[in-house]
Amino acid sequence: MTVSSVQNIIWWYIAGINVVAVILYGWDKFCAVHDRWRISESMLLFVAAIGGSMGALLAMQIFRHKTKHLKFSIGVPIILGIQIIGWGWWQWQL
């Protein structure tokens, strides 16, 4: 497998997991408003940590959801920063 094909797989994964993050955060906000079963905070943070931090941050702003919780308002941007640094380091190593 070439470096280019690995990068394509990673890009598709990142795009997909960020779409999933937006959907999960949006669904959790919908459930919060309609007094339904909620997605756990640990699951929302986990999705951000496995690559969905951009989508999570975007969804937090779009849906105005979890913006007052420090573990989200500070944690998700920190996760995103770590992921950007990791991606940059990986690209530099190629």
Protein backbone atom coordinates (compact mmCIF):
# COMPACT_ATOMS: atom_id res chain seq x y z
CA MET A 1 0.00 0.00 0.00
CA THR A 2 1.44 3.36 -0.99
CA VAL A 3 1.69 6.44 1.21
CA SER A 4 -0.82 8.18 -1.05
CA SER A 5 -3.45 5.47 -0.61
CA VAL A 6 -2.93 5.47 3.17
CA GLN A 7 -3.41 9.24 3.20
CA ASN A 8 -6.63 8.87 1.18
CA ILE A 9 -7.97 6.31 3.64
CA ILE A 10 -7.12 8.60 6.55
CA TRP A 11 -8.76 11.62 4.88
CA TRP A 12 -11.96 9.62 4.26
CA TYR A 13 -11.91 8.38 7.85
CA ILE A 14 -11.49 11.93 9.20
CA ALA A 15 -14.30 13.22 6.99
CA GLY A 16 -16.60 10.38 8.06
CA ILE A 17 -15.91 10.60 11.79
CA ASN A 18 -16.48 14.36 11.71
CA VAL A 19 -19.86 13.86 10.02
CA VAL A 20 -20.68 11.31 12.72
CA ALA A 21 -19.65 13.84 15.41
CA VAL A 22 -21.94 16.54 14.00
CA ILE A 23 -24.83 14.08 13.84
CA LEU A 24 -24.26 12.81 17.40
CA TYR A 25 -23.97 16.29 18.90
CA GLY A 26 -27.06 17.42 16.96
CA TRP A 27 -29.02 14.36 18.04
CA ASP A 28 -28.00 14.85 21.67
CA LYS A 29 -29.18 18.46 21.54
CA PHE A 30 -32.48 17.33 20.02
CA CYS A 31 -32.87 14.75 22.78
CA ALA A 32 -32.03 17.33 25.45
CA VAL A 33 -34.71 19.70 24.17
CA HIS A 34 -37.32 16.94 23.85
CA ASP A 35 -36.52 15.23 27.17
CA ARG A 36 -35.40 11.97 25.57
CA TRP A 37 -32.60 9.48 26.19
CA ARG A 38 -29.24 11.25 25.79
CA ILE A 39 -25.85 10.30 24.41
CA SER A 40 -23.31 10.13 27.22
CA GLU A 41 -20.74 12.89 27.56
CA SER A 42 -17.99 10.28 27.50
CA MET A 43 -19.23 9.03 24.10
CA LEU A 44 -19.34 12.56 22.70
CA LEU A 45 -15.78 13.21 23.91
CA PHE A 46 -14.65 9.81 22.63
CA VAL A 47 -15.89 10.61 19.12
CA ALA A 48 -13.97 13.89 19.28
CA ALA A 49 -10.85 12.08 20.50
CA ILE A 50 -10.85 9.49 17.70
CA GLY A 51 -10.76 12.17 15.04
CA GLY A 52 -14.09 13.97 15.18
CA SER A 53 -12.95 17.07 17.04
CA MET A 54 -13.51 19.45 14.12
CA GLY A 55 -17.07 18.19 13.70
CA ALA A 56 -17.64 18.28 17.46
CA LEU A 57 -16.45 21.88 17.69
CA LEU A 58 -18.55 22.90 14.70
CA ALA A 59 -21.64 21.14 16.12
CA MET A 60 -21.14 22.78 19.50
CA GLN A 61 -21.38 26.17 17.80
CA ILE A 62 -24.19 25.32 15.36
CA PHE A 63 -26.43 23.66 17.95
CA ARG A 64 -25.23 25.74 20.93
CA HIS A 65 -24.70 22.49 22.76
CA LYS A 66 -22.24 21.68 25.55
CA THR A 67 -20.68 25.14 25.23
CA LYS A 68 -20.98 25.87 28.97
CA HIS A 69 -19.31 22.62 30.03
CA LEU A 70 -15.57 23.19 30.56
CA LYS A 71 -14.66 19.65 29.54
CA PHE A 72 -16.20 20.42 26.15
CA SER A 73 -15.47 24.14 25.70
CA ILE A 74 -11.82 23.62 26.65
CA GLY A 75 -11.38 19.89 26.06
CA VAL A 76 -12.56 19.68 22.45
CA PRO A 77 -10.29 22.52 21.22
CA ILE A 78 -7.34 20.92 23.06
CA ILE A 79 -8.12 17.58 21.41
CA LEU A 80 -8.28 19.34 18.03
CA GLY A 81 -4.93 21.02 18.67
CA ILE A 82 -3.30 17.73 19.59
CA GLN A 83 -4.74 16.11 16.47
CA ILE A 84 -3.47 18.94 14.24
CA ILE A 85 0.01 18.68 15.79
CA GLY A 86 -0.07 14.88 15.37
CA TRP A 87 -1.13 15.17 11.73
CA GLY A 88 1.60 17.74 11.06
CA TRP A 89 4.22 15.56 12.73
CA TRP A 90 3.10 12.52 10.71
CA GLN A 91 3.26 14.51 7.47
CA TRP A 92 6.71 15.80 8.36
CA GLN A 93 7.92 12.23 8.96
CA LEU A 94 6.92 11.16 5.42
